[in-house]
Amino acid sequence: MHNVITLATRQSKLALWQTEHVAAELRRHHPGLEVRLLPLSTRGDEVLDRSLSEIGGKGVFLKELERALLDGEADVAVHSLKDVPAESPPGLELSVVLPRADWADWWLTADGSTPGDLPAGARVGTSSLRRQSQLLRAYPHLEVVPIRGNVQTRLGLMTSGKVDAVILAAAGLQRLGLPLDHRLALTPPEFLPAPGQGVIVTQCRAGDDAVERLLAPLECARTRDQVSAERAVVAAMGADCRMPLAALATIDERGELELAARLCSPDGRQTVEISLRGPRAEAQALGRKAGHHLLAEGGSEIIAAINLK
């Protein structure tokens, strides 16, 4: 059994919070275990003058952490699940899924304006095609401005008036404990989150049983079933983090899984969507069915048009 375990993490405040949370859970379940952090800079953090889709999608936040695992510098990498591609590189695997936090996106303004309050041409900052496409679908009079950088940088663009509003993940803002005077949750049916949004996941070397045993108590079976359905939609569509795909799986009071998935064109004018329900044990099958439906009903054309740009 390990006496020391090293966790690779990005250097942003949010990534460090998430990794410190995993470290605290490991110490709680394994008194006497020494947990070390290995903060690393990633290409996604360094290249801020181009969109994520231009530099390789959200997977660019993972590469250095995965290299540290493969090289033996770290035992575990801690990620936001929504940044993780459907397939892990050879030699690595996702190990445990922690309990889900708030999965919603928050609409943030300096004065409390809602999307419907803003005038035509008002500027909304987001780097996400998914957020952009759903916003323009509901509010085509708005203008979307691509923004990059950490949470504090993007909030600063709003408070300084460079944009009229920004859209950010609720979980990250809550984890950082940032004071926000005006926020509006963007929720179904108009808005769906990214697959896996609000979930922290760990990654380790395949077959590293000792590390897997240490991580096992952190697993949340309920969240695992939810994100298994959501990520199966991604896999069935051959999607990556650049696609404007939204998906949310919830579990009702009877223990059945409900899955909603949506793909919109970046301008919001074309939409394909589906809602399914079934047993939790069939989470992946439901996700695959949803993904194949989206492709067949027009998703292939939306994806092809995005890839041509």
C-alpha atoms as a PDB file:
ATOM      1  CA  MET A   1       0.000   0.000   0.000  1.00  0.00           C
ATOM      2  CA  HIS A   2       1.198   3.508  -0.838  1.00  0.00           C
ATOM      3  CA  ASN A   3       2.332   5.726   2.038  1.00  0.00           C
ATOM      4  CA  VAL A   4       2.639   8.690  -0.335  1.00  0.00           C
ATOM      5  CA  ILE A   5       0.432   9.572  -3.297  1.00  0.00           C
ATOM      6  CA  THR A   6       1.038  12.394  -5.783  1.00  0.00           C
ATOM      7  CA  LEU A   7      -1.829  14.210  -7.500  1.00  0.00           C
ATOM      8  CA  ALA A   8      -1.189  16.067 -10.764  1.00  0.00           C
ATOM      9  CA  THR A   9      -3.233  19.225 -11.237  1.00  0.00           C
ATOM     10  CA  ARG A  10      -3.510  22.313 -13.379  1.00  0.00           C
ATOM     11  CA  GLN A  11      -2.370  25.534 -11.691  1.00  0.00           C
ATOM     12  CA  SER A  12      -5.607  27.532 -11.845  1.00  0.00           C
ATOM     13  CA  LYS A  13      -7.352  28.367  -8.572  1.00  0.00           C
ATOM     14  CA  LEU A  14     -10.306  26.179  -9.507  1.00  0.00           C
ATOM     15  CA  ALA A  15      -8.163  23.194 -10.490  1.00  0.00           C
ATOM     16  CA  LEU A  16      -6.172  23.522  -7.260  1.00  0.00           C
ATOM     17  CA  TRP A  17      -9.411  23.690  -5.229  1.00  0.00           C
ATOM     18  CA  GLN A  18     -10.650  20.503  -6.882  1.00  0.00           C
ATOM     19  CA  THR A  19      -7.369  18.689  -6.317  1.00  0.00           C
ATOM     20  CA  GLU A  20      -7.174  19.847  -2.698  1.00  0.00           C
ATOM     21  CA  HIS A  21     -10.714  18.479  -2.277  1.00  0.00           C
ATOM     22  CA  VAL A  22      -9.613  15.069  -3.574  1.00  0.00           C
ATOM     23  CA  ALA A  23      -6.545  15.247  -1.317  1.00  0.00           C
ATOM     24  CA  ALA A  24      -8.719  16.010   1.724  1.00  0.00           C
ATOM     25  CA  GLU A  25     -11.028  13.085   0.919  1.00  0.00           C
ATOM     26  CA  LEU A  26      -8.049  10.742   0.563  1.00  0.00           C
ATOM     27  CA  ARG A  27      -6.644  11.881   3.929  1.00  0.00           C
ATOM     28  CA  ARG A  28     -10.073  11.450   5.545  1.00  0.00           C
ATOM     29  CA  HIS A  29     -10.429   7.887   4.316  1.00  0.00           C
ATOM     30  CA  HIS A  30      -6.761   6.959   4.837  1.00  0.00           C
ATOM     31  CA  PRO A  31      -5.319   8.564   7.996  1.00  0.00           C
ATOM     32  CA  GLY A  32      -1.541   8.649   7.783  1.00  0.00           C
ATOM     33  CA  LEU A  33      -1.456   8.800   3.977  1.00  0.00           C
ATOM     34  CA  GLU A  34       0.779  11.595   2.706  1.00  0.00           C
ATOM     35  CA  VAL A  35      -0.834  13.364  -0.252  1.00  0.00           C
ATOM     36  CA  ARG A  36       1.311  15.634  -2.435  1.00  0.00           C
ATOM     37  CA  LEU A  37       0.233  17.983  -5.215  1.00  0.00           C
ATOM     38  CA  LEU A  38       2.104  18.394  -8.507  1.00  0.00           C
ATOM     39  CA  PRO A  39       0.851  21.618 -10.162  1.00  0.00           C
ATOM     40  CA  LEU A  40       1.512  21.714 -13.911  1.00  0.00           C
ATOM     41  CA  SER A  41       0.964  24.255 -16.669  1.00  0.00           C
ATOM     42  CA  THR A  42      -0.986  23.065 -19.708  1.00  0.00           C
ATOM     43  CA  ARG A  43      -1.282  24.337 -23.264  1.00  0.00           C
ATOM     44  CA  GLY A  44      -4.909  25.214 -22.622  1.00  0.00           C
ATOM     45  CA  ASP A  45      -3.832  27.528 -19.788  1.00  0.00           C
ATOM     46  CA  GLU A  46      -0.966  29.065 -21.739  1.00  0.00           C
ATOM     47  CA  VAL A  47      -2.548  29.822 -25.140  1.00  0.00           C
ATOM     48  CA  LEU A  48      -5.296  32.356 -24.430  1.00  0.00           C
ATOM     49  CA  ASP A  49      -5.391  34.277 -27.724  1.00  0.00           C
ATOM     50  CA  ARG A  50      -7.098  31.470 -29.662  1.00  0.00           C
ATOM     51  CA  SER A  51     -10.268  29.477 -29.093  1.00  0.00           C
ATOM     52  CA  LEU A  52     -10.108  25.999 -27.591  1.00  0.00           C
ATOM     53  CA  SER A  53     -11.373  24.519 -30.862  1.00  0.00           C
ATOM     54  CA  GLU A  54      -8.375  26.051 -32.686  1.00  0.00           C
ATOM     55  CA  ILE A  55      -5.778  24.535 -30.341  1.00  0.00           C
ATOM     56  CA  GLY A  56      -7.308  21.086 -29.948  1.00  0.00           C
ATOM     57  CA  GLY A  57     -10.395  21.309 -27.762  1.00  0.00           C
ATOM     58  CA  LYS A  58     -10.585  20.951 -24.000  1.00  0.00           C
ATOM     59  CA  GLY A  59      -8.273  17.936 -24.154  1.00  0.00           C
ATOM     60  CA  VAL A  60      -5.392  20.431 -24.211  1.00  0.00           C
ATOM     61  CA  PHE A  61      -5.969  20.884 -20.464  1.00  0.00           C
ATOM     62  CA  LEU A  62      -5.117  17.209 -19.884  1.00  0.00           C
ATOM     63  CA  LYS A  63      -2.004  16.432 -21.908  1.00  0.00           C
ATOM     64  CA  GLU A  64       0.647  17.506 -19.391  1.00  0.00           C
ATOM     65  CA  LEU A  65      -1.162  15.812 -16.523  1.00  0.00           C
ATOM     66  CA  GLU A  66      -1.447  12.589 -18.507  1.00  0.00           C
ATOM     67  CA  ARG A  67       2.239  12.764 -19.413  1.00  0.00           C
ATOM     68  CA  ALA A  68       3.083  13.050 -15.694  1.00  0.00           C
ATOM     69  CA  LEU A  69       1.075   9.873 -15.036  1.00  0.00           C
ATOM     70  CA  LEU A  70       2.707   7.934 -17.849  1.00  0.00           C
ATOM     71  CA  ASP A  71       6.180   9.108 -16.797  1.00  0.00           C
ATOM     72  CA  GLY A  72       5.577   8.124 -13.169  1.00  0.00           C
ATOM     73  CA  GLU A  73       5.843  11.684 -11.823  1.00  0.00           C
ATOM     74  CA  ALA A  74       2.293  11.456 -10.455  1.00  0.00           C
ATOM     75  CA  ASP A  75      -0.023   8.649  -9.375  1.00  0.00           C
ATOM     76  CA  VAL A  76      -3.323  10.402 -10.035  1.00  0.00           C
ATOM     77  CA  ALA A  77      -4.533  13.284 -12.203  1.00  0.00           C
ATOM     78  CA  VAL A  78      -7.567  15.294 -11.133  1.00  0.00           C
ATOM     79  CA  HIS A  79      -9.851  16.674 -13.853  1.00  0.00           C
ATOM     80  CA  SER A  80     -13.167  18.373 -14.432  1.00  0.00           C
ATOM     81  CA  LEU A  81     -15.027  15.580 -16.209  1.00  0.00           C
ATOM     82  CA  LYS A  82     -16.501  17.926 -18.825  1.00  0.00           C
ATOM     83  CA  ASP A  83     -12.928  18.590 -20.043  1.00  0.00           C
ATOM     84  CA  VAL A  84     -12.136  14.887 -20.496  1.00  0.00           C
ATOM     85  CA  PRO A  85     -12.477  13.296 -23.983  1.00  0.00           C
ATOM     86  CA  ALA A  86     -14.554  10.127 -24.336  1.00  0.00           C
ATOM     87  CA  GLU A  87     -11.439   7.923 -24.652  1.00  0.00           C
ATOM     88  CA  SER A  88      -8.424   7.835 -22.328  1.00  0.00           C
ATOM     89  CA  PRO A  89      -4.950   7.416 -23.887  1.00  0.00           C
ATOM     90  CA  PRO A  90      -3.441   3.910 -23.877  1.00  0.00           C
ATOM     91  CA  GLY A  91      -2.115   3.030 -20.431  1.00  0.00           C
ATOM     92  CA  LEU A  92      -4.466   5.368 -18.552  1.00  0.00           C
ATOM     93  CA  GLU A  93      -8.017   5.072 -17.255  1.00  0.00           C
ATOM     94  CA  LEU A  94     -10.581   7.129 -15.425  1.00  0.00           C
ATOM     95  CA  SER A  95     -10.810   5.700 -11.945  1.00  0.00           C
ATOM     96  CA  VAL A  96     -13.419   7.294  -9.666  1.00  0.00           C
ATOM     97  CA  VAL A  97     -16.254   9.754 -10.176  1.00  0.00           C
ATOM     98  CA  LEU A  98     -16.916  12.035  -7.210  1.00  0.00           C
ATOM     99  CA  PRO A  99     -20.425  13.224  -6.210  1.00  0.00           C
ATOM    100  CA  ARG A 100     -21.833  15.758  -8.644  1.00  0.00           C
ATOM    101  CA  ALA A 101     -22.049  19.419  -7.686  1.00  0.00           C
ATOM    102  CA  ASP A 102     -24.419  21.947  -9.307  1.00  0.00           C
ATOM    103  CA  TRP A 103     -24.505  21.107 -13.031  1.00  0.00           C
ATOM    104  CA  ALA A 104     -26.096  24.370 -14.231  1.00  0.00           C
ATOM    105  CA  ASP A 105     -24.582  27.295 -16.095  1.00  0.00           C
ATOM    106  CA  TRP A 106     -24.966  30.726 -14.514  1.00  0.00           C
ATOM    107  CA  TRP A 107     -25.786  33.901 -16.424  1.00  0.00           C
ATOM    108  CA  LEU A 108     -23.873  36.730 -14.747  1.00  0.00           C
ATOM    109  CA  THR A 109     -24.318  40.480 -15.154  1.00  0.00           C
ATOM    110  CA  ALA A 110     -23.271  43.578 -13.230  1.00  0.00           C
ATOM    111  CA  ASP A 111     -26.841  44.884 -12.897  1.00  0.00           C
ATOM    112  CA  GLY A 112     -29.098  41.819 -12.795  1.00  0.00           C
ATOM    113  CA  SER A 113     -30.270  42.019 -16.433  1.00  0.00           C
ATOM    114  CA  THR A 114     -31.742  38.796 -17.813  1.00  0.00           C
ATOM    115  CA  PRO A 115     -31.024  37.650 -21.394  1.00  0.00           C
ATOM    116  CA  GLY A 116     -34.421  39.005 -22.429  1.00  0.00           C
ATOM    117  CA  ASP A 117     -33.690  42.395 -20.833  1.00  0.00           C
ATOM    118  CA  LEU A 118     -30.602  43.102 -22.908  1.00  0.00           C
ATOM    119  CA  PRO A 119     -30.963  45.104 -26.144  1.00  0.00           C
ATOM    120  CA  ALA A 120     -30.147  43.788 -29.613  1.00  0.00           C
ATOM    121  CA  GLY A 121     -26.405  43.462 -30.114  1.00  0.00           C
ATOM    122  CA  ALA A 122     -25.580  43.226 -26.409  1.00  0.00           C
ATOM    123  CA  ARG A 123     -22.325  41.318 -25.951  1.00  0.00           C
ATOM    124  CA  VAL A 124     -22.242  38.020 -24.055  1.00  0.00           C
ATOM    125  CA  GLY A 125     -18.891  36.400 -23.284  1.00  0.00           C
ATOM    126  CA  THR A 126     -18.399  32.656 -23.538  1.00  0.00           C
ATOM    127  CA  SER A 127     -15.768  30.346 -25.028  1.00  0.00           C
ATOM    128  CA  SER A 128     -18.253  27.471 -25.308  1.00  0.00           C
ATOM    129  CA  LEU A 129     -20.007  26.642 -28.579  1.00  0.00           C
ATOM    130  CA  ARG A 130     -22.601  24.755 -26.538  1.00  0.00           C
ATOM    131  CA  ARG A 131     -23.444  27.822 -24.456  1.00  0.00           C
ATOM    132  CA  GLN A 132     -23.358  30.049 -27.528  1.00  0.00           C
ATOM    133  CA  SER A 133     -25.658  27.843 -29.586  1.00  0.00           C
ATOM    134  CA  GLN A 134     -28.298  27.442 -26.870  1.00  0.00           C
ATOM    135  CA  LEU A 135     -28.195  31.152 -25.988  1.00  0.00           C
ATOM    136  CA  LEU A 136     -28.677  32.255 -29.602  1.00  0.00           C
ATOM    137  CA  ARG A 137     -31.404  29.648 -30.058  1.00  0.00           C
ATOM    138  CA  ALA A 138     -33.420  31.299 -27.267  1.00  0.00           C
ATOM    139  CA  TYR A 139     -32.191  34.899 -27.675  1.00  0.00           C
ATOM    140  CA  PRO A 140     -31.080  35.491 -31.286  1.00  0.00           C
ATOM    141  CA  HIS A 141     -30.817  39.263 -30.734  1.00  0.00           C
ATOM    142  CA  LEU A 142     -27.671  38.858 -28.621  1.00  0.00           C
ATOM    143  CA  GLU A 143     -24.054  38.851 -29.839  1.00  0.00           C
ATOM    144  CA  VAL A 144     -21.628  36.245 -28.523  1.00  0.00           C
ATOM    145  CA  VAL A 145     -18.013  37.272 -27.890  1.00  0.00           C
ATOM    146  CA  PRO A 146     -15.398  34.509 -27.449  1.00  0.00           C
ATOM    147  CA  ILE A 147     -13.474  34.902 -24.182  1.00  0.00           C
ATOM    148  CA  ARG A 148     -10.763  32.780 -22.596  1.00  0.00           C
ATOM    149  CA  GLY A 149      -8.886  32.769 -19.307  1.00  0.00           C
ATOM    150  CA  ASN A 150      -9.577  31.701 -15.757  1.00  0.00           C
ATOM    151  CA  VAL A 151     -12.826  32.386 -13.911  1.00  0.00           C
ATOM    152  CA  GLN A 152     -11.570  35.631 -12.389  1.00  0.00           C
ATOM    153  CA  THR A 153     -10.390  36.937 -15.781  1.00  0.00           C
ATOM    154  CA  ARG A 154     -13.748  36.243 -17.421  1.00  0.00           C
ATOM    155  CA  LEU A 155     -15.693  37.802 -14.553  1.00  0.00           C
ATOM    156  CA  GLY A 156     -13.448  40.859 -14.876  1.00  0.00           C
ATOM    157  CA  LEU A 157     -14.534  41.364 -18.482  1.00  0.00           C
ATOM    158  CA  MET A 158     -18.125  41.613 -17.241  1.00  0.00           C
ATOM    159  CA  THR A 159     -17.484  43.879 -14.250  1.00  0.00           C
ATOM    160  CA  SER A 160     -15.344  46.219 -16.380  1.00  0.00           C
ATOM    161  CA  GLY A 161     -18.077  46.504 -19.020  1.00  0.00           C
ATOM    162  CA  LYS A 162     -16.140  44.922 -21.873  1.00  0.00           C
ATOM    163  CA  VAL A 163     -19.057  42.476 -22.184  1.00  0.00           C
ATOM    164  CA  ASP A 164     -22.615  42.856 -20.896  1.00  0.00           C
ATOM    165  CA  ALA A 165     -22.838  39.329 -19.484  1.00  0.00           C
ATOM    166  CA  VAL A 166     -20.831  36.138 -19.124  1.00  0.00           C
ATOM    167  CA  ILE A 167     -21.899  32.510 -18.791  1.00  0.00           C
ATOM    168  CA  LEU A 168     -19.896  30.276 -16.441  1.00  0.00           C
ATOM    169  CA  ALA A 169     -20.375  26.911 -14.755  1.00  0.00           C
ATOM    170  CA  ALA A 170     -22.115  27.227 -11.392  1.00  0.00           C
ATOM    171  CA  ALA A 171     -19.988  24.506  -9.780  1.00  0.00           C
ATOM    172  CA  GLY A 172     -16.728  26.333 -10.372  1.00  0.00           C
ATOM    173  CA  LEU A 173     -18.060  29.607  -9.032  1.00  0.00           C
ATOM    174  CA  GLN A 174     -19.470  27.890  -5.945  1.00  0.00           C
ATOM    175  CA  ARG A 175     -16.240  26.012  -5.303  1.00  0.00           C
ATOM    176  CA  LEU A 176     -14.251  29.244  -5.428  1.00  0.00           C
ATOM    177  CA  GLY A 177     -16.751  30.966  -3.133  1.00  0.00           C
ATOM    178  CA  LEU A 178     -16.830  34.094  -5.265  1.00  0.00           C
ATOM    179  CA  PRO A 179     -19.278  36.834  -4.218  1.00  0.00           C
ATOM    180  CA  LEU A 180     -21.775  37.317  -7.051  1.00  0.00           C
ATOM    181  CA  ASP A 181     -24.519  39.898  -6.687  1.00  0.00           C
ATOM    182  CA  HIS A 182     -26.474  38.951  -9.797  1.00  0.00           C
ATOM    183  CA  ARG A 183     -26.754  35.435 -11.136  1.00  0.00           C
ATOM    184  CA  LEU A 184     -29.382  33.474 -13.019  1.00  0.00           C
ATOM    185  CA  ALA A 185     -29.308  29.692 -13.412  1.00  0.00           C
ATOM    186  CA  LEU A 186     -29.725  28.596 -17.043  1.00  0.00           C
ATOM    187  CA  THR A 187     -31.720  25.386 -16.726  1.00  0.00           C
ATOM    188  CA  PRO A 188     -33.915  23.011 -18.759  1.00  0.00           C
ATOM    189  CA  PRO A 189     -35.824  23.087 -20.961  1.00  0.00           C
ATOM    190  CA  GLU A 190     -34.065  26.066 -22.598  1.00  0.00           C
ATOM    191  CA  PHE A 191     -30.553  25.147 -21.474  1.00  0.00           C
ATOM    192  CA  LEU A 192     -28.748  21.857 -20.883  1.00  0.00           C
ATOM    193  CA  PRO A 193     -25.207  21.555 -19.462  1.00  0.00           C
ATOM    194  CA  ALA A 194     -22.134  19.941 -20.941  1.00  0.00           C
ATOM    195  CA  PRO A 195     -21.888  16.171 -20.470  1.00  0.00           C
ATOM    196  CA  GLY A 196     -20.234  15.610 -17.090  1.00  0.00           C
ATOM    197  CA  GLN A 197     -20.546  19.227 -15.945  1.00  0.00           C
ATOM    198  CA  GLY A 198     -20.104  19.715 -12.193  1.00  0.00           C
ATOM    199  CA  VAL A 199     -18.208  16.435 -11.735  1.00  0.00           C
ATOM    200  CA  ILE A 200     -14.629  15.875 -10.559  1.00  0.00           C
ATOM    201  CA  VAL A 201     -12.966  12.700 -11.831  1.00  0.00           C
ATOM    202  CA  THR A 202      -9.628  11.041 -11.163  1.00  0.00           C
ATOM    203  CA  GLN A 203      -7.371   9.369 -13.721  1.00  0.00           C
ATOM    204  CA  CYS A 204      -4.559   6.906 -13.045  1.00  0.00           C
ATOM    205  CA  ARG A 205      -2.388   4.322 -14.758  1.00  0.00           C
ATOM    206  CA  ALA A 206      -4.336   1.298 -15.983  1.00  0.00           C
ATOM    207  CA  GLY A 207      -3.827  -1.693 -13.684  1.00  0.00           C
ATOM    208  CA  ASP A 208      -2.467   0.347 -10.754  1.00  0.00           C
ATOM    209  CA  ASP A 209      -4.496  -1.613  -8.200  1.00  0.00           C
ATOM    210  CA  ALA A 210      -2.916  -0.003  -5.138  1.00  0.00           C
ATOM    211  CA  VAL A 211      -3.902   3.491  -6.268  1.00  0.00           C
ATOM    212  CA  GLU A 212      -7.353   2.293  -7.329  1.00  0.00           C
ATOM    213  CA  ARG A 213      -7.944   0.900  -3.819  1.00  0.00           C
ATOM    214  CA  LEU A 214      -7.007   4.234  -2.268  1.00  0.00           C
ATOM    215  CA  LEU A 215      -9.375   6.091  -4.581  1.00  0.00           C
ATOM    216  CA  ALA A 216     -12.298   3.648  -4.338  1.00  0.00           C
ATOM    217  CA  PRO A 217     -14.014   5.243  -1.286  1.00  0.00           C
ATOM    218  CA  LEU A 218     -14.413   8.509  -3.235  1.00  0.00           C
ATOM    219  CA  GLU A 219     -16.687   6.888  -5.863  1.00  0.00           C
ATOM    220  CA  CYS A 220     -20.353   8.010  -6.180  1.00  0.00           C
ATOM    221  CA  ALA A 221     -22.441   5.313  -7.901  1.00  0.00           C
ATOM    222  CA  ARG A 222     -25.353   7.667  -8.585  1.00  0.00           C
ATOM    223  CA  THR A 223     -23.141  10.205 -10.346  1.00  0.00           C
ATOM    224  CA  ARG A 224     -21.364   7.378 -12.200  1.00  0.00           C
ATOM    225  CA  ASP A 225     -24.648   6.254 -13.773  1.00  0.00           C
ATOM    226  CA  GLN A 226     -25.603   9.802 -14.728  1.00  0.00           C
ATOM    227  CA  VAL A 227     -22.326  10.631 -16.423  1.00  0.00           C
ATOM    228  CA  SER A 228     -22.091   7.187 -18.039  1.00  0.00           C
ATOM    229  CA  ALA A 229     -25.278   8.042 -19.950  1.00  0.00           C
ATOM    230  CA  GLU A 230     -24.108  11.556 -20.833  1.00  0.00           C
ATOM    231  CA  ARG A 231     -20.658  10.465 -21.993  1.00  0.00           C
ATOM    232  CA  ALA A 232     -22.148   7.593 -24.012  1.00  0.00           C
ATOM    233  CA  VAL A 233     -23.932  10.252 -26.086  1.00  0.00           C
ATOM    234  CA  VAL A 234     -20.547  11.866 -26.757  1.00  0.00           C
ATOM    235  CA  ALA A 235     -18.929   8.544 -27.689  1.00  0.00           C
ATOM    236  CA  ALA A 236     -21.803   7.474 -29.956  1.00  0.00           C
ATOM    237  CA  MET A 237     -21.506  10.726 -31.896  1.00  0.00           C
ATOM    238  CA  GLY A 238     -17.727  10.484 -32.209  1.00  0.00           C
ATOM    239  CA  ALA A 239     -17.749  13.820 -30.474  1.00  0.00           C
ATOM    240  CA  ASP A 240     -15.053  15.806 -28.758  1.00  0.00           C
ATOM    241  CA  CYS A 241     -15.155  18.737 -26.375  1.00  0.00           C
ATOM    242  CA  ARG A 242     -15.435  21.218 -29.260  1.00  0.00           C
ATOM    243  CA  MET A 243     -18.884  20.036 -30.338  1.00  0.00           C
ATOM    244  CA  PRO A 244     -21.899  22.108 -29.140  1.00  0.00           C
ATOM    245  CA  LEU A 245     -23.414  19.021 -27.545  1.00  0.00           C
ATOM    246  CA  ALA A 246     -25.448  19.276 -24.337  1.00  0.00           C
ATOM    247  CA  ALA A 247     -26.637  16.364 -22.218  1.00  0.00           C
ATOM    248  CA  LEU A 248     -28.085  15.881 -18.755  1.00  0.00           C
ATOM    249  CA  ALA A 249     -29.015  12.645 -16.999  1.00  0.00           C
ATOM    250  CA  THR A 250     -30.997  12.741 -13.773  1.00  0.00           C
ATOM    251  CA  ILE A 251     -32.427  10.003 -11.551  1.00  0.00           C
ATOM    252  CA  ASP A 252     -36.060  10.298 -10.515  1.00  0.00           C
ATOM    253  CA  GLU A 253     -37.727   9.274  -7.266  1.00  0.00           C
ATOM    254  CA  ARG A 254     -38.357   5.773  -8.629  1.00  0.00           C
ATOM    255  CA  GLY A 255     -34.677   5.310  -9.422  1.00  0.00           C
ATOM    256  CA  GLU A 256     -35.138   5.584 -13.192  1.00  0.00           C
ATOM    257  CA  LEU A 257     -32.683   7.499 -15.290  1.00  0.00           C
ATOM    258  CA  GLU A 258     -33.925  10.380 -17.443  1.00  0.00           C
ATOM    259  CA  LEU A 259     -31.632  11.600 -20.221  1.00  0.00           C
ATOM    260  CA  ALA A 260     -31.994  14.746 -22.316  1.00  0.00           C
ATOM    261  CA  ALA A 261     -29.528  15.496 -25.122  1.00  0.00           C
ATOM    262  CA  ARG A 262     -29.344  18.362 -27.604  1.00  0.00           C
ATOM    263  CA  LEU A 263     -27.134  19.503 -30.458  1.00  0.00           C
ATOM    264  CA  CYS A 264     -27.564  22.993 -31.909  1.00  0.00           C
ATOM    265  CA  SER A 265     -25.819  24.753 -34.757  1.00  0.00           C
ATOM    266  CA  PRO A 266     -23.507  27.531 -33.487  1.00  0.00           C
ATOM    267  CA  ASP A 267     -25.987  30.199 -34.638  1.00  0.00           C
ATOM    268  CA  GLY A 268     -28.817  28.450 -32.787  1.00  0.00           C
ATOM    269  CA  ARG A 269     -30.996  28.097 -35.879  1.00  0.00           C
ATOM    270  CA  GLN A 270     -30.867  24.297 -36.141  1.00  0.00           C
ATOM    271  CA  THR A 271     -31.585  21.974 -33.230  1.00  0.00           C
ATOM    272  CA  VAL A 272     -31.863  18.224 -32.797  1.00  0.00           C
ATOM    273  CA  GLU A 273     -32.783  16.835 -29.394  1.00  0.00           C
ATOM    274  CA  ILE A 274     -34.159  13.811 -27.608  1.00  0.00           C
ATOM    275  CA  SER A 275     -35.385  12.756 -24.168  1.00  0.00           C
ATOM    276  CA  LEU A 276     -35.237   9.132 -23.012  1.00  0.00           C
ATOM    277  CA  ARG A 277     -35.771   7.238 -19.796  1.00  0.00           C
ATOM    278  CA  GLY A 278     -34.886   3.774 -18.569  1.00  0.00           C
ATOM    279  CA  PRO A 279     -33.214   1.760 -15.792  1.00  0.00           C
ATOM    280  CA  ARG A 280     -29.946   3.032 -14.340  1.00  0.00           C
ATOM    281  CA  ALA A 281     -28.342  -0.267 -15.343  1.00  0.00           C
ATOM    282  CA  GLU A 282     -28.909   0.706 -18.985  1.00  0.00           C
ATOM    283  CA  ALA A 283     -27.266   4.131 -18.693  1.00  0.00           C
ATOM    284  CA  GLN A 284     -24.715   3.581 -21.464  1.00  0.00           C
ATOM    285  CA  ALA A 285     -27.267   1.997 -23.792  1.00  0.00           C
ATOM    286  CA  LEU A 286     -29.579   4.994 -23.326  1.00  0.00           C
ATOM    287  CA  GLY A 287     -26.707   7.351 -24.098  1.00  0.00           C
ATOM    288  CA  ARG A 288     -25.779   5.463 -27.260  1.00  0.00           C
ATOM    289  CA  LYS A 289     -29.400   5.455 -28.405  1.00  0.00           C
ATOM    290  CA  ALA A 290     -29.624   9.213 -27.847  1.00  0.00           C
ATOM    291  CA  GLY A 291     -26.381   9.860 -29.732  1.00  0.00           C
ATOM    292  CA  HIS A 292     -27.431   7.774 -32.729  1.00  0.00           C
ATOM    293  CA  HIS A 293     -30.809   9.571 -32.811  1.00  0.00           C
ATOM    294  CA  LEU A 294     -29.154  13.004 -32.831  1.00  0.00           C
ATOM    295  CA  LEU A 295     -26.899  11.993 -35.712  1.00  0.00           C
ATOM    296  CA  ALA A 296     -29.747  10.521 -37.740  1.00  0.00           C
ATOM    297  CA  GLU A 297     -32.079  13.489 -37.242  1.00  0.00           C
ATOM    298  CA  GLY A 298     -29.708  16.168 -38.518  1.00  0.00           C
ATOM    299  CA  GLY A 299     -26.765  16.117 -36.152  1.00  0.00           C
ATOM    300  CA  SER A 300     -24.415  14.793 -38.830  1.00  0.00           C
ATOM    301  CA  GLU A 301     -25.092  17.836 -40.994  1.00  0.00           C
ATOM    302  CA  ILE A 302     -24.585  20.247 -38.085  1.00  0.00           C
ATOM    303  CA  ILE A 303     -21.263  18.592 -37.203  1.00  0.00           C
ATOM    304  CA  ALA A 304     -20.101  18.577 -40.835  1.00  0.00           C
ATOM    305  CA  ALA A 305     -20.817  22.303 -41.149  1.00  0.00           C
ATOM    306  CA  ILE A 306     -18.846  23.041 -37.958  1.00  0.00           C
ATOM    307  CA  ASN A 307     -15.883  20.954 -39.109  1.00  0.00           C
ATOM    308  CA  LEU A 308     -15.728  22.833 -42.419  1.00  0.00           C
ATOM    309  CA  LYS A 309     -15.070  26.129 -40.592  1.00  0.00           C
END
